[in-house]
Amino acid sequence: MTATEHSTDITVESHPVESHPVGSHRVDGRDARWRAHREERRAQLTEDAIRAIRQHGAQVGMDEIAAVAGTSKTVIYRHLGDRLGMYLAVCASVDRLILANFGAALQTSGATHRVRTNNPQAVVVAAIDSYLALVEHDPEVYRFVTRPPQVDVPRDADPVIGLSATIAHRLTELLAVDLRETGRDETFAPILAHGLVGLVRESADRWMTDPDRAPRSVIVAQLAEFAAIGLNGLLHHHEGESQ
């Protein structure tokens, strides 16, 4: 099957200044401008960090990031915090891109509300390809994101786990509809969704370590066929029993 085209340009967005309700303390205009400036500076430094990762690899150092940014480590620490803070900022940018591509892939496959709208394999292809597209385009950034710095990160704050949970939640919504409509127990939808996400993540990690790795389109097709066999059997088995 032909893989869906995806955007792989990581763009860091600055967050708008929050508005304040009537009657609350009004932020001085200079404070608002300074806050906006800090957000813009943080976004720019995050982009610089991503460029440095691409140039120097996943083991990039803060000195190399500062050199690419044309500033000092002190400035980076001021806006992004320590290496963990920089890591989390990069992860947030990558997460937004993966989620945007994932949503676009579901739109393209026609699976905005359910898996069985089209062939389940088309939905699985869209989901898998949206993830592997970034892995292939930005391998060093992917390695950086999936290998956090040697510091303790609470499980509920781990960006990799958080991204997997977000994608699995979206798949859960799709699967639950189909399980319910085919008379299956929809409470199993989260397990199935997380299983699919885990399959893709582990396969992506293995794929990236293979020096003679197969083309992305081949891996996507094989994984999709493997997963779709299970989905087809699960979603249509009950229908066969009722005939």
Foldseek 3Di string as FASTA:
>chain_A
DDADDADQDQAFDFDQDDDDDPPDDDDPPVVNVVVSVLSVVLRLLLVLQLVLCQVPFLPDDLCSSCVSSVHDSVVVCVRQNPLQSSLLSNLVRVLVRLVVQLCVLCVVLVQQQACVPDQVLSNLLSNLSSVVVNCVVRVRSVVNLVDDPPDDDPPVRNSVNVSLQVQLVSQLRHHLVLCVVLVHDSVCSSVLSSVSSVVSVVVSVVQSVDPPHDDPVVVSNVSSVVSSVVVCCNSCVSVVVVD
